[in-house]
């Protein structure tokens, strides 16, 4: 659906992104650059007690770009759903009727103007994107400048990659997928943990399914962050063993001395395979994330004269 330049300018003021982030300095600037580049009217972020320079980076970006706002909290527990809901409702009160939640490692493969044009005649609606999991090579021990440009494979979705087979060390986590939700409304909403659904919000849902490029285990060090930082903050709030099982699984892998096994199962070898606990799983060559990351680097460098980690 074509959108003329005047309509596009108006539409962009209604679309906003929200994110809660902790210790993702290597990713969050790129995520912001991506959503700014594709036409979001605003990005609101809460830094949840980062110690790696994430908050400072976001503040520098916010000083250069009025479409970015950032605040900081320091919680001993991970109150993601409450923080995301709070930001969404603040933006709705400010006049943003379309909200797209994202994590620092999620890049919705969408266009802002196209999203708004598609739902222009809807006063309330939800829409979903599915994870497309990309994997780095197994030599990526820690984040380093431009390391994401080396990602050239995505993992296949395996029907039997679920909580049972993942936690039994039979299937890689990156071969599973989950939906992520976005929505349009002028009324208050309540998001569920992980932004996979709404507890309170529009009942109508678009049947179209978008892609969300996802880099969950982008380096080996991410496994330690999930085991030693994330899981202690998730565990006190867990109402059911399946809630946020990924971090409890990574915690167990750490305690059992199986971090390297899990890393090989979720990263690419030189031949384009996962080593799934002794069994190879072929990956699918895909340069789309690398192209997106390169455009995000260029956007920040050219528009804000800013170099990202």
C-alpha atoms as a PDB file:
ATOM      1  CA  UNK A   1       0.000   0.000   0.000  1.00  0.00           C
ATOM      2  CA  UNK A   2       1.658   3.271  -1.099  1.00  0.00           C
ATOM      3  CA  UNK A   3       2.098   5.958   1.506  1.00  0.00           C
ATOM      4  CA  UNK A   4       2.849   9.509   0.408  1.00  0.00           C
ATOM      5  CA  UNK A   5       5.473  11.521   2.233  1.00  0.00           C
ATOM      6  CA  UNK A   6       2.983  13.613   4.248  1.00  0.00           C
ATOM      7  CA  UNK A   7       1.000  10.589   5.399  1.00  0.00           C
ATOM      8  CA  UNK A   8       4.223   8.780   6.230  1.00  0.00           C
ATOM      9  CA  UNK A   9       5.339  11.643   8.466  1.00  0.00           C
ATOM     10  CA  UNK A  10       2.036  11.551  10.354  1.00  0.00           C
ATOM     11  CA  UNK A  11       1.986   7.760  10.634  1.00  0.00           C
ATOM     12  CA  UNK A  12       5.459   7.508  12.076  1.00  0.00           C
ATOM     13  CA  UNK A  13       4.413   9.559  15.088  1.00  0.00           C
ATOM     14  CA  UNK A  14       2.017   6.772  16.093  1.00  0.00           C
ATOM     15  CA  UNK A  15       4.491   3.856  16.109  1.00  0.00           C
ATOM     16  CA  UNK A  16       6.840   3.244  19.030  1.00  0.00           C
ATOM     17  CA  UNK A  17       9.120   0.514  20.321  1.00  0.00           C
ATOM     18  CA  UNK A  18       9.767  -0.502  23.929  1.00  0.00           C
ATOM     19  CA  UNK A  19      12.557  -2.537  25.483  1.00  0.00           C
ATOM     20  CA  UNK A  20      13.903  -3.547  28.886  1.00  0.00           C
ATOM     21  CA  UNK A  21      17.640  -4.213  28.680  1.00  0.00           C
ATOM     22  CA  UNK A  22      20.428  -5.368  30.964  1.00  0.00           C
ATOM     23  CA  UNK A  23      24.100  -5.683  30.036  1.00  0.00           C
ATOM     24  CA  UNK A  24      23.707  -5.744  26.248  1.00  0.00           C
ATOM     25  CA  UNK A  25      26.080  -2.973  25.200  1.00  0.00           C
ATOM     26  CA  UNK A  26      27.118  -5.010  22.158  1.00  0.00           C
ATOM     27  CA  UNK A  27      23.541  -5.153  20.845  1.00  0.00           C
ATOM     28  CA  UNK A  28      21.270  -2.409  22.106  1.00  0.00           C
ATOM     29  CA  UNK A  29      22.714   0.385  19.966  1.00  0.00           C
ATOM     30  CA  UNK A  30      22.242  -1.741  16.864  1.00  0.00           C
ATOM     31  CA  UNK A  31      18.683  -2.591  17.876  1.00  0.00           C
ATOM     32  CA  UNK A  32      17.869   1.102  18.359  1.00  0.00           C
ATOM     33  CA  UNK A  33      19.513   1.982  15.037  1.00  0.00           C
ATOM     34  CA  UNK A  34      17.449  -0.683  13.283  1.00  0.00           C
ATOM     35  CA  UNK A  35      14.112   0.550  14.618  1.00  0.00           C
ATOM     36  CA  UNK A  36      14.966   4.200  14.034  1.00  0.00           C
ATOM     37  CA  UNK A  37      16.083   3.410  10.492  1.00  0.00           C
ATOM     38  CA  UNK A  38      12.866   1.592   9.595  1.00  0.00           C
ATOM     39  CA  UNK A  39      10.711   4.515  10.691  1.00  0.00           C
ATOM     40  CA  UNK A  40       9.713   4.265  14.347  1.00  0.00           C
ATOM     41  CA  UNK A  41       8.432   7.480  15.883  1.00  0.00           C
ATOM     42  CA  UNK A  42       9.898   6.767  19.295  1.00  0.00           C
ATOM     43  CA  UNK A  43      11.882   4.150  21.214  1.00  0.00           C
ATOM     44  CA  UNK A  44      11.546   4.013  24.980  1.00  0.00           C
ATOM     45  CA  UNK A  45      14.008   1.885  26.951  1.00  0.00           C
ATOM     46  CA  UNK A  46      14.440   0.971  30.589  1.00  0.00           C
ATOM     47  CA  UNK A  47      17.930  -0.103  31.577  1.00  0.00           C
ATOM     48  CA  UNK A  48      17.548  -2.677  34.337  1.00  0.00           C
ATOM     49  CA  UNK A  49      20.768  -2.220  36.286  1.00  0.00           C
ATOM     50  CA  UNK A  50      23.412  -2.687  33.572  1.00  0.00           C
ATOM     51  CA  UNK A  51      27.056  -2.623  34.621  1.00  0.00           C
ATOM     52  CA  UNK A  52      28.719  -2.962  31.200  1.00  0.00           C
ATOM     53  CA  UNK A  53      28.164   0.547  29.808  1.00  0.00           C
ATOM     54  CA  UNK A  54      24.754  -0.136  28.251  1.00  0.00           C
ATOM     55  CA  UNK A  55      23.091   2.784  30.030  1.00  0.00           C
ATOM     56  CA  UNK A  56      25.851   5.247  29.102  1.00  0.00           C
ATOM     57  CA  UNK A  57      25.627   4.224  25.447  1.00  0.00           C
ATOM     58  CA  UNK A  58      21.847   4.705  25.445  1.00  0.00           C
ATOM     59  CA  UNK A  59      22.180   8.121  27.090  1.00  0.00           C
ATOM     60  CA  UNK A  60      24.658   9.209  24.412  1.00  0.00           C
ATOM     61  CA  UNK A  61      22.246   8.097  21.709  1.00  0.00           C
ATOM     62  CA  UNK A  62      19.296   9.801  23.430  1.00  0.00           C
ATOM     63  CA  UNK A  63      21.225  13.081  23.529  1.00  0.00           C
ATOM     64  CA  UNK A  64      21.670  12.882  19.770  1.00  0.00           C
ATOM     65  CA  UNK A  65      18.192  11.598  18.877  1.00  0.00           C
ATOM     66  CA  UNK A  66      14.992  12.904  20.468  1.00  0.00           C
ATOM     67  CA  UNK A  67      13.119   9.785  19.317  1.00  0.00           C
ATOM     68  CA  UNK A  68      15.012   7.800  21.982  1.00  0.00           C
ATOM     69  CA  UNK A  69      14.283   8.086  25.695  1.00  0.00           C
ATOM     70  CA  UNK A  70      15.921   6.036  28.413  1.00  0.00           C
ATOM     71  CA  UNK A  71      15.575   5.587  32.167  1.00  0.00           C
ATOM     72  CA  UNK A  72      17.200   3.256  34.651  1.00  0.00           C
ATOM     73  CA  UNK A  73      16.023   1.004  37.457  1.00  0.00           C
ATOM     74  CA  UNK A  74      17.959  -1.394  39.649  1.00  0.00           C
ATOM     75  CA  UNK A  75      15.924  -4.422  40.647  1.00  0.00           C
ATOM     76  CA  UNK A  76      17.179  -7.607  42.249  1.00  0.00           C
ATOM     77  CA  UNK A  77      14.426  -9.477  40.373  1.00  0.00           C
ATOM     78  CA  UNK A  78      13.439  -9.406  36.691  1.00  0.00           C
ATOM     79  CA  UNK A  79      10.106  -7.561  36.508  1.00  0.00           C
ATOM     80  CA  UNK A  80      10.078  -7.438  32.727  1.00  0.00           C
ATOM     81  CA  UNK A  81       6.324  -7.722  32.137  1.00  0.00           C
ATOM     82  CA  UNK A  82       5.504  -4.932  34.591  1.00  0.00           C
ATOM     83  CA  UNK A  83       8.171  -2.594  33.172  1.00  0.00           C
ATOM     84  CA  UNK A  84       7.145  -3.255  29.576  1.00  0.00           C
ATOM     85  CA  UNK A  85       3.472  -2.712  30.381  1.00  0.00           C
ATOM     86  CA  UNK A  86       4.305   0.539  32.147  1.00  0.00           C
ATOM     87  CA  UNK A  87       6.228   1.852  29.142  1.00  0.00           C
ATOM     88  CA  UNK A  88       3.535   0.771  26.696  1.00  0.00           C
ATOM     89  CA  UNK A  89       0.806   2.519  28.650  1.00  0.00           C
ATOM     90  CA  UNK A  90       2.898   5.683  29.055  1.00  0.00           C
ATOM     91  CA  UNK A  91       3.374   5.808  25.279  1.00  0.00           C
ATOM     92  CA  UNK A  92      -0.313   5.149  24.636  1.00  0.00           C
ATOM     93  CA  UNK A  93      -1.162   8.083  26.893  1.00  0.00           C
ATOM     94  CA  UNK A  94       1.336  10.157  24.907  1.00  0.00           C
ATOM     95  CA  UNK A  95      -0.542   9.394  21.695  1.00  0.00           C
ATOM     96  CA  UNK A  96       1.360   6.428  20.271  1.00  0.00           C
ATOM     97  CA  UNK A  97      -1.318   3.960  19.255  1.00  0.00           C
ATOM     98  CA  UNK A  98       0.935   1.221  17.836  1.00  0.00           C
ATOM     99  CA  UNK A  99       3.518  -0.415  20.090  1.00  0.00           C
ATOM    100  CA  UNK A 100       6.126  -2.983  19.163  1.00  0.00           C
ATOM    101  CA  UNK A 101       7.974  -4.547  22.124  1.00  0.00           C
ATOM    102  CA  UNK A 102      11.436  -5.977  21.496  1.00  0.00           C
ATOM    103  CA  UNK A 103      14.400  -7.413  23.352  1.00  0.00           C
ATOM    104  CA  UNK A 104      17.935  -6.243  22.612  1.00  0.00           C
ATOM    105  CA  UNK A 105      18.592  -9.385  20.566  1.00  0.00           C
ATOM    106  CA  UNK A 106      15.409  -9.127  18.459  1.00  0.00           C
ATOM    107  CA  UNK A 107      15.124  -7.346  15.125  1.00  0.00           C
ATOM    108  CA  UNK A 108      11.626  -7.345  13.637  1.00  0.00           C
ATOM    109  CA  UNK A 109      11.923  -7.672   9.853  1.00  0.00           C
ATOM    110  CA  UNK A 110       9.317  -4.991   9.137  1.00  0.00           C
ATOM    111  CA  UNK A 111       8.877  -1.451   7.817  1.00  0.00           C
ATOM    112  CA  UNK A 112       7.378   1.142  10.133  1.00  0.00           C
ATOM    113  CA  UNK A 113       5.311   2.946   7.483  1.00  0.00           C
ATOM    114  CA  UNK A 114       4.140  -0.363   6.010  1.00  0.00           C
ATOM    115  CA  UNK A 115       2.993  -1.585   9.438  1.00  0.00           C
ATOM    116  CA  UNK A 116       1.033   1.580  10.100  1.00  0.00           C
ATOM    117  CA  UNK A 117      -0.477   1.584   6.635  1.00  0.00           C
ATOM    118  CA  UNK A 118      -1.571  -2.041   6.979  1.00  0.00           C
ATOM    119  CA  UNK A 119      -3.448  -1.324  10.216  1.00  0.00           C
ATOM    120  CA  UNK A 120      -4.581   2.221   9.436  1.00  0.00           C
ATOM    121  CA  UNK A 121      -8.248   1.200   9.367  1.00  0.00           C
ATOM    122  CA  UNK A 122      -8.066  -0.739  12.625  1.00  0.00           C
ATOM    123  CA  UNK A 123      -8.558   1.007  15.929  1.00  0.00           C
ATOM    124  CA  UNK A 124      -7.379  -2.075  17.843  1.00  0.00           C
ATOM    125  CA  UNK A 125      -5.482  -5.162  16.690  1.00  0.00           C
ATOM    126  CA  UNK A 126      -2.589  -7.433  17.638  1.00  0.00           C
ATOM    127  CA  UNK A 127      -0.036  -8.991  15.303  1.00  0.00           C
ATOM    128  CA  UNK A 128       2.629 -11.634  15.755  1.00  0.00           C
ATOM    129  CA  UNK A 129       6.184 -12.266  14.661  1.00  0.00           C
ATOM    130  CA  UNK A 130       8.010 -15.579  14.975  1.00  0.00           C
ATOM    131  CA  UNK A 131      11.629 -15.937  15.996  1.00  0.00           C
ATOM    132  CA  UNK A 132      14.068 -16.713  13.205  1.00  0.00           C
ATOM    133  CA  UNK A 133      17.111 -17.790  15.213  1.00  0.00           C
ATOM    134  CA  UNK A 134      20.528 -16.844  13.848  1.00  0.00           C
ATOM    135  CA  UNK A 135      23.717 -18.402  15.210  1.00  0.00           C
ATOM    136  CA  UNK A 136      27.269 -17.134  15.408  1.00  0.00           C
ATOM    137  CA  UNK A 137      30.318 -19.294  14.739  1.00  0.00           C
ATOM    138  CA  UNK A 138      31.699 -21.358  17.593  1.00  0.00           C
ATOM    139  CA  UNK A 139      34.846 -19.189  17.806  1.00  0.00           C
ATOM    140  CA  UNK A 140      32.765 -16.258  19.111  1.00  0.00           C
ATOM    141  CA  UNK A 141      33.779 -16.557  22.751  1.00  0.00           C
ATOM    142  CA  UNK A 142      32.966 -12.947  23.726  1.00  0.00           C
ATOM    143  CA  UNK A 143      31.422  -9.881  22.089  1.00  0.00           C
ATOM    144  CA  UNK A 144      33.856  -7.757  20.089  1.00  0.00           C
ATOM    145  CA  UNK A 145      33.451  -4.882  17.601  1.00  0.00           C
ATOM    146  CA  UNK A 146      31.570  -5.903  14.452  1.00  0.00           C
ATOM    147  CA  UNK A 147      31.469  -9.564  15.489  1.00  0.00           C
ATOM    148  CA  UNK A 148      27.802  -9.863  14.474  1.00  0.00           C
ATOM    149  CA  UNK A 149      28.777  -9.230  10.852  1.00  0.00           C
ATOM    150  CA  UNK A 150      30.184 -12.753  10.847  1.00  0.00           C
ATOM    151  CA  UNK A 151      26.759 -14.342  11.347  1.00  0.00           C
ATOM    152  CA  UNK A 152      25.717 -16.101   8.154  1.00  0.00           C
ATOM    153  CA  UNK A 153      23.533 -19.006   9.297  1.00  0.00           C
ATOM    154  CA  UNK A 154      20.077 -19.446  10.754  1.00  0.00           C
ATOM    155  CA  UNK A 155      18.913 -22.512  12.583  1.00  0.00           C
ATOM    156  CA  UNK A 156      16.124 -24.694  11.219  1.00  0.00           C
ATOM    157  CA  UNK A 157      12.963 -25.001  13.296  1.00  0.00           C
ATOM    158  CA  UNK A 158      12.689 -28.594  14.501  1.00  0.00           C
ATOM    159  CA  UNK A 159       9.230 -29.797  15.525  1.00  0.00           C
ATOM    160  CA  UNK A 160      10.618 -31.780  18.443  1.00  0.00           C
ATOM    161  CA  UNK A 161      12.789 -28.962  19.810  1.00  0.00           C
ATOM    162  CA  UNK A 162      10.774 -28.208  22.924  1.00  0.00           C
ATOM    163  CA  UNK A 163      11.335 -27.808  26.650  1.00  0.00           C
ATOM    164  CA  UNK A 164      11.660 -31.563  27.189  1.00  0.00           C
ATOM    165  CA  UNK A 165      14.204 -32.316  24.474  1.00  0.00           C
ATOM    166  CA  UNK A 166      16.173 -29.104  25.084  1.00  0.00           C
ATOM    167  CA  UNK A 167      16.533 -29.673  28.822  1.00  0.00           C
ATOM    168  CA  UNK A 168      17.457 -33.333  28.224  1.00  0.00           C
ATOM    169  CA  UNK A 169      20.370 -32.197  26.013  1.00  0.00           C
ATOM    170  CA  UNK A 170      18.798 -33.750  22.913  1.00  0.00           C
ATOM    171  CA  UNK A 171      17.925 -30.701  20.836  1.00  0.00           C
ATOM    172  CA  UNK A 172      19.432 -27.202  20.497  1.00  0.00           C
ATOM    173  CA  UNK A 173      17.529 -24.293  21.943  1.00  0.00           C
ATOM    174  CA  UNK A 174      18.066 -22.284  18.738  1.00  0.00           C
ATOM    175  CA  UNK A 175      16.013 -24.861  16.807  1.00  0.00           C
ATOM    176  CA  UNK A 176      12.860 -23.839  18.685  1.00  0.00           C
ATOM    177  CA  UNK A 177      10.745 -20.779  18.008  1.00  0.00           C
ATOM    178  CA  UNK A 178       8.246 -18.611  19.861  1.00  0.00           C
ATOM    179  CA  UNK A 179       5.869 -15.826  18.832  1.00  0.00           C
ATOM    180  CA  UNK A 180       6.369 -12.187  19.791  1.00  0.00           C
ATOM    181  CA  UNK A 181       3.502  -9.728  19.928  1.00  0.00           C
ATOM    182  CA  UNK A 182       2.892  -6.194  18.710  1.00  0.00           C
ATOM    183  CA  UNK A 183      -0.352  -4.256  18.992  1.00  0.00           C
ATOM    184  CA  UNK A 184      -2.381  -1.205  18.121  1.00  0.00           C
ATOM    185  CA  UNK A 185      -4.734   0.295  20.709  1.00  0.00           C
ATOM    186  CA  UNK A 186      -5.631   3.487  22.550  1.00  0.00           C
ATOM    187  CA  UNK A 187      -6.488   1.680  25.784  1.00  0.00           C
ATOM    188  CA  UNK A 188      -4.236   0.328  28.553  1.00  0.00           C
ATOM    189  CA  UNK A 189      -2.608  -3.048  28.027  1.00  0.00           C
ATOM    190  CA  UNK A 190      -0.878  -5.667  30.130  1.00  0.00           C
ATOM    191  CA  UNK A 191       1.929  -7.719  28.609  1.00  0.00           C
ATOM    192  CA  UNK A 192       2.898 -11.208  29.642  1.00  0.00           C
ATOM    193  CA  UNK A 193       6.499 -12.021  30.481  1.00  0.00           C
ATOM    194  CA  UNK A 194       8.617 -12.302  27.358  1.00  0.00           C
ATOM    195  CA  UNK A 195       6.202 -10.254  25.223  1.00  0.00           C
ATOM    196  CA  UNK A 196       4.753 -13.435  23.722  1.00  0.00           C
ATOM    197  CA  UNK A 197       1.153 -12.378  24.377  1.00  0.00           C
ATOM    198  CA  UNK A 198      -1.094  -9.829  26.085  1.00  0.00           C
ATOM    199  CA  UNK A 199      -3.040 -10.484  29.269  1.00  0.00           C
ATOM    200  CA  UNK A 200      -5.111  -7.345  28.663  1.00  0.00           C
ATOM    201  CA  UNK A 201      -5.468  -5.804  25.224  1.00  0.00           C
ATOM    202  CA  UNK A 202      -7.098  -6.068  21.787  1.00  0.00           C
ATOM    203  CA  UNK A 203      -8.870  -9.337  20.987  1.00  0.00           C
ATOM    204  CA  UNK A 204      -8.623  -9.049  17.178  1.00  0.00           C
ATOM    205  CA  UNK A 205      -5.473 -10.569  15.688  1.00  0.00           C
ATOM    206  CA  UNK A 206      -3.988 -10.264  12.237  1.00  0.00           C
ATOM    207  CA  UNK A 207      -3.404 -13.641  10.564  1.00  0.00           C
ATOM    208  CA  UNK A 208      -0.242 -12.359   8.910  1.00  0.00           C
ATOM    209  CA  UNK A 209       2.958 -13.606  10.591  1.00  0.00           C
ATOM    210  CA  UNK A 210       6.124 -11.493  10.572  1.00  0.00           C
ATOM    211  CA  UNK A 211       9.727 -12.559  11.056  1.00  0.00           C
ATOM    212  CA  UNK A 212      11.753 -11.547  14.101  1.00  0.00           C
ATOM    213  CA  UNK A 213      15.477 -12.006  13.505  1.00  0.00           C
ATOM    214  CA  UNK A 214      16.810 -13.280  16.828  1.00  0.00           C
ATOM    215  CA  UNK A 215      20.412 -13.794  18.039  1.00  0.00           C
ATOM    216  CA  UNK A 216      19.879 -15.288  21.512  1.00  0.00           C
ATOM    217  CA  UNK A 217      23.246 -17.012  22.036  1.00  0.00           C
ATOM    218  CA  UNK A 218      25.470 -14.636  20.114  1.00  0.00           C
ATOM    219  CA  UNK A 219      28.654 -15.638  21.970  1.00  0.00           C
ATOM    220  CA  UNK A 220      29.741 -18.278  24.463  1.00  0.00           C
ATOM    221  CA  UNK A 221      29.807 -15.672  27.235  1.00  0.00           C
ATOM    222  CA  UNK A 222      26.032 -15.264  26.876  1.00  0.00           C
ATOM    223  CA  UNK A 223      25.594 -18.695  28.439  1.00  0.00           C
ATOM    224  CA  UNK A 224      27.338 -17.515  31.608  1.00  0.00           C
ATOM    225  CA  UNK A 225      25.216 -14.337  31.720  1.00  0.00           C
ATOM    226  CA  UNK A 226      22.039 -16.387  31.526  1.00  0.00           C
ATOM    227  CA  UNK A 227      23.225 -18.851  34.157  1.00  0.00           C
ATOM    228  CA  UNK A 228      24.797 -16.457  36.655  1.00  0.00           C
ATOM    229  CA  UNK A 229      22.912 -13.190  36.176  1.00  0.00           C
ATOM    230  CA  UNK A 230      19.538 -13.849  34.571  1.00  0.00           C
ATOM    231  CA  UNK A 231      18.471 -17.040  36.334  1.00  0.00           C
ATOM    232  CA  UNK A 232      18.958 -15.694  39.903  1.00  0.00           C
ATOM    233  CA  UNK A 233      16.685 -12.775  38.964  1.00  0.00           C
ATOM    234  CA  UNK A 234      14.068 -14.954  37.246  1.00  0.00           C
ATOM    235  CA  UNK A 235      13.882 -17.816  39.765  1.00  0.00           C
ATOM    236  CA  UNK A 236      12.162 -15.910  42.636  1.00  0.00           C
ATOM    237  CA  UNK A 237       9.310 -14.891  40.308  1.00  0.00           C
ATOM    238  CA  UNK A 238       8.833 -18.255  38.560  1.00  0.00           C
ATOM    239  CA  UNK A 239       5.249 -19.420  39.023  1.00  0.00           C
ATOM    240  CA  UNK A 240       5.727 -22.638  37.022  1.00  0.00           C
ATOM    241  CA  UNK A 241       8.873 -24.645  36.166  1.00  0.00           C
ATOM    242  CA  UNK A 242       8.288 -23.989  32.453  1.00  0.00           C
ATOM    243  CA  UNK A 243       8.294 -20.219  32.892  1.00  0.00           C
ATOM    244  CA  UNK A 244      11.588 -18.941  31.549  1.00  0.00           C
ATOM    245  CA  UNK A 245      12.974 -22.478  31.483  1.00  0.00           C
ATOM    246  CA  UNK A 246      15.843 -21.409  29.218  1.00  0.00           C
ATOM    247  CA  UNK A 247      17.734 -19.610  31.963  1.00  0.00           C
ATOM    248  CA  UNK A 248      17.212 -22.447  34.457  1.00  0.00           C
ATOM    249  CA  UNK A 249      18.496 -24.874  31.817  1.00  0.00           C
ATOM    250  CA  UNK A 250      21.585 -22.759  31.218  1.00  0.00           C
ATOM    251  CA  UNK A 251      22.124 -22.545  34.971  1.00  0.00           C
ATOM    252  CA  UNK A 252      22.010 -26.329  35.204  1.00  0.00           C
ATOM    253  CA  UNK A 253      24.379 -26.671  32.236  1.00  0.00           C
ATOM    254  CA  UNK A 254      26.825 -24.380  34.036  1.00  0.00           C
ATOM    255  CA  UNK A 255      26.592 -26.304  37.312  1.00  0.00           C
ATOM    256  CA  UNK A 256      26.963 -29.637  35.476  1.00  0.00           C
ATOM    257  CA  UNK A 257      30.007 -28.461  33.525  1.00  0.00           C
ATOM    258  CA  UNK A 258      28.231 -28.673  30.159  1.00  0.00           C
ATOM    259  CA  UNK A 259      28.560 -25.098  28.934  1.00  0.00           C
ATOM    260  CA  UNK A 260      30.797 -26.119  26.025  1.00  0.00           C
ATOM    261  CA  UNK A 261      28.363 -28.870  24.995  1.00  0.00           C
ATOM    262  CA  UNK A 262      25.495 -26.389  24.947  1.00  0.00           C
ATOM    263  CA  UNK A 263      27.578 -23.804  23.101  1.00  0.00           C
ATOM    264  CA  UNK A 264      28.556 -26.272  20.346  1.00  0.00           C
ATOM    265  CA  UNK A 265      24.901 -27.302  20.047  1.00  0.00           C
ATOM    266  CA  UNK A 266      23.890 -23.678  19.448  1.00  0.00           C
ATOM    267  CA  UNK A 267      26.758 -22.308  17.324  1.00  0.00           C
ATOM    268  CA  UNK A 268      28.013 -22.955  13.805  1.00  0.00           C
ATOM    269  CA  UNK A 269      31.076 -24.996  13.002  1.00  0.00           C
ATOM    270  CA  UNK A 270      33.240 -24.279   9.952  1.00  0.00           C
ATOM    271  CA  UNK A 271      31.048 -26.481   7.756  1.00  0.00           C
ATOM    272  CA  UNK A 272      27.739 -24.859   8.703  1.00  0.00           C
ATOM    273  CA  UNK A 273      26.468 -27.408  11.221  1.00  0.00           C
ATOM    274  CA  UNK A 274      25.421 -27.429  14.856  1.00  0.00           C
ATOM    275  CA  UNK A 275      27.047 -30.125  16.952  1.00  0.00           C
ATOM    276  CA  UNK A 276      23.856 -31.296  18.632  1.00  0.00           C
ATOM    277  CA  UNK A 277      25.379 -33.310  21.466  1.00  0.00           C
ATOM    278  CA  UNK A 278      27.257 -35.510  19.009  1.00  0.00           C
ATOM    279  CA  UNK A 279      24.781 -35.338  16.121  1.00  0.00           C
ATOM    280  CA  UNK A 280      25.171 -32.762  13.307  1.00  0.00           C
ATOM    281  CA  UNK A 281      22.263 -30.458  12.438  1.00  0.00           C
ATOM    282  CA  UNK A 282      22.588 -28.617   9.129  1.00  0.00           C
ATOM    283  CA  UNK A 283      22.171 -24.837   9.285  1.00  0.00           C
ATOM    284  CA  UNK A 284      20.644 -22.667   6.580  1.00  0.00           C
ATOM    285  CA  UNK A 285      22.766 -20.007   4.912  1.00  0.00           C
ATOM    286  CA  UNK A 286      21.117 -16.597   5.343  1.00  0.00           C
ATOM    287  CA  UNK A 287      22.794 -13.192   5.002  1.00  0.00           C
ATOM    288  CA  UNK A 288      19.746 -11.103   5.895  1.00  0.00           C
ATOM    289  CA  UNK A 289      20.734 -10.451   9.508  1.00  0.00           C
ATOM    290  CA  UNK A 290      24.243  -9.494   8.452  1.00  0.00           C
ATOM    291  CA  UNK A 291      22.794  -7.010   5.938  1.00  0.00           C
ATOM    292  CA  UNK A 292      20.461  -5.575   8.591  1.00  0.00           C
ATOM    293  CA  UNK A 293      23.335  -5.175  11.070  1.00  0.00           C
ATOM    294  CA  UNK A 294      25.533  -3.475   8.466  1.00  0.00           C
ATOM    295  CA  UNK A 295      22.745  -0.993   7.647  1.00  0.00           C
ATOM    296  CA  UNK A 296      22.291  -0.287  11.359  1.00  0.00           C
ATOM    297  CA  UNK A 297      25.996   0.428  11.832  1.00  0.00           C
ATOM    298  CA  UNK A 298      25.950   2.739   8.818  1.00  0.00           C
ATOM    299  CA  UNK A 299      22.787   4.528   9.985  1.00  0.00           C
ATOM    300  CA  UNK A 300      24.280   5.465  13.356  1.00  0.00           C
ATOM    301  CA  UNK A 301      27.669   6.406  11.927  1.00  0.00           C
ATOM    302  CA  UNK A 302      26.282   8.638   9.172  1.00  0.00           C
ATOM    303  CA  UNK A 303      23.326  10.183  11.014  1.00  0.00           C
ATOM    304  CA  UNK A 304      24.809  10.677  14.485  1.00  0.00           C
ATOM    305  CA  UNK A 305      28.558  10.481  13.848  1.00  0.00           C
ATOM    306  CA  UNK A 306      28.597   7.729  16.438  1.00  0.00           C
ATOM    307  CA  UNK A 307      30.538   4.448  16.424  1.00  0.00           C
ATOM    308  CA  UNK A 308      28.903   1.495  18.118  1.00  0.00           C
ATOM    309  CA  UNK A 309      30.799  -1.284  19.948  1.00  0.00           C
END
